[in-house]
Protein backbone atom coordinates (compact mmCIF):
# COMPACT_ATOMS: atom_id res chain seq x y z
CA MET A 1 95.04 86.61 106.52
CA ALA A 2 98.42 86.68 104.77
CA LYS A 3 96.74 85.70 101.51
CA CYS A 4 94.24 88.58 101.86
CA LEU A 5 97.05 91.03 102.54
CA GLU A 6 98.96 89.72 99.56
CA SER A 7 95.91 90.09 97.32
CA SER A 8 95.54 93.72 98.42
CA LEU A 9 98.93 94.67 96.98
CA VAL A 10 97.72 94.80 93.37
CA PRO A 11 94.79 97.19 94.01
CA ILE A 12 96.98 99.37 96.25
CA LYS A 13 99.67 99.61 93.58
CA THR A 14 97.08 100.29 90.88
CA VAL A 15 95.47 103.10 92.89
CA CYS A 16 98.87 104.67 93.57
CA LEU A 17 99.96 104.48 89.95
CA ALA A 18 96.63 105.82 88.68
CA LEU A 19 96.71 108.83 91.02
CA GLU A 20 100.36 109.51 90.25
CA SER A 21 99.62 109.28 86.53
CA ALA A 22 96.64 111.63 86.88
CA GLY A 23 98.82 114.13 88.74
CA ALA A 24 101.51 113.90 86.08
CA GLY A 25 98.85 114.37 83.41
CA ILE A 26 97.62 117.51 85.14
CA MET A 27 101.18 118.89 85.33
CA LYS A 28 101.75 118.07 81.63
CA ARG A 29 98.36 119.54 80.70
CA SER A 30 97.12 116.27 79.22
CA SER A 31 93.58 115.99 77.93
CA LEU A 32 90.75 115.83 80.44
CA LYS A 33 89.67 112.52 78.94
CA GLU A 34 93.07 110.98 79.71
CA ILE A 35 93.15 112.36 83.26
CA GLY A 36 89.57 111.24 83.83
CA SER A 37 90.38 107.71 82.70
CA ARG A 38 93.14 107.56 85.34
CA PHE A 39 90.69 108.60 88.04
CA VAL A 40 88.24 105.93 86.90
CA GLU A 41 91.00 103.31 86.95
CA GLY A 42 92.05 104.36 90.46
CA GLY A 43 88.45 104.38 91.65
CA ILE A 44 87.82 100.86 90.41
CA SER A 45 90.91 99.63 92.24
CA LEU A 46 89.91 101.47 95.41
CA VAL A 47 86.51 99.76 95.36
CA GLN A 48 88.29 96.40 94.94
CA LEU A 49 90.56 97.24 97.86
CA SER A 50 87.57 98.13 100.03
CA GLY A 51 86.19 94.63 99.50
CA ILE A 52 89.49 93.07 100.51
CA VAL A 53 89.73 95.21 103.66
CA GLY A 54 86.18 94.24 104.58
CA ASP A 55 87.03 90.57 104.12
CA ILE A 56 90.24 90.67 106.17
CA LEU A 57 88.72 91.73 109.47
CA THR A 58 85.04 90.87 109.44
CA ASP A 59 84.65 91.28 113.21
CA SER A 60 86.19 94.75 113.43
CA GLU A 61 83.91 97.79 113.29
CA ASN A 62 86.89 99.96 112.29
CA ALA A 63 87.67 97.70 109.34
CA LYS A 64 84.03 97.74 108.28
CA LEU A 65 83.90 101.54 108.49
CA SER A 66 87.20 101.88 106.62
CA SER A 67 85.94 99.54 103.94
CA GLN A 68 82.75 101.57 103.51
CA ARG A 69 84.69 104.83 103.29
CA MET A 70 87.10 103.40 100.74
CA LYS A 71 84.22 102.14 98.64
CA TYR A 72 82.52 105.54 98.74
CA ALA A 73 85.78 107.30 97.82
CA GLY A 74 86.33 104.89 94.93
CA GLU A 75 82.82 105.46 93.62
CA LYS A 76 83.29 109.24 93.82
CA MET A 77 86.65 108.95 92.04
CA GLN A 78 84.94 107.06 89.23
CA GLU A 79 82.20 109.70 89.02
CA ALA A 80 84.80 112.49 88.89
CA GLY A 81 86.77 110.66 86.22
CA ASN A 82 83.67 110.13 84.11
CA GLU A 83 82.79 113.83 84.44
CA LEU A 84 86.30 114.81 83.32
CA ALA A 85 86.15 112.38 80.41
CA GLY A 86 82.77 113.76 79.36
CA ILE A 87 80.86 110.54 79.95
CA PRO A 88 77.25 111.38 80.82
CA LYS A 89 75.92 110.30 84.20
CA GLU A 90 73.23 107.62 84.22
CA LYS A 91 69.86 109.03 85.08
CA PRO A 92 67.50 107.10 87.34
CA LYS A 93 64.71 105.31 85.55
CA GLY A 94 61.16 104.77 86.66
CA LYS A 95 59.35 106.77 89.28
CA GLY A 96 62.15 106.85 91.83
CA TRP A 97 62.04 110.63 91.76
CA LEU A 98 58.64 110.58 93.44
CA LYS A 99 58.96 110.86 97.18
CA GLY A 100 56.44 108.94 99.17
CA GLY A 101 55.17 106.89 96.24
CA MET A 102 51.71 107.32 94.80
């Protein structure tokens, strides 16, 4: 467990620095692309952290729920960062838009 906690320090620090940097960029009126890249970086680290939290306490429902929420938040941070940076969202391929099939 100590090793898992130790491995979580890097993603935690990266998330904190990315969010702090994004906030500083907003205050300094940096480009949206730069601010967006910080959100993407923080989101990636938050998704990594969610995996570590899920691995630490596999028997705990609270840990599982926290892990899922962190993963969702990280994914949404990445989406927001990509939107700010002007990176187009991937569109679903195939016939997934059809409800109920054929």
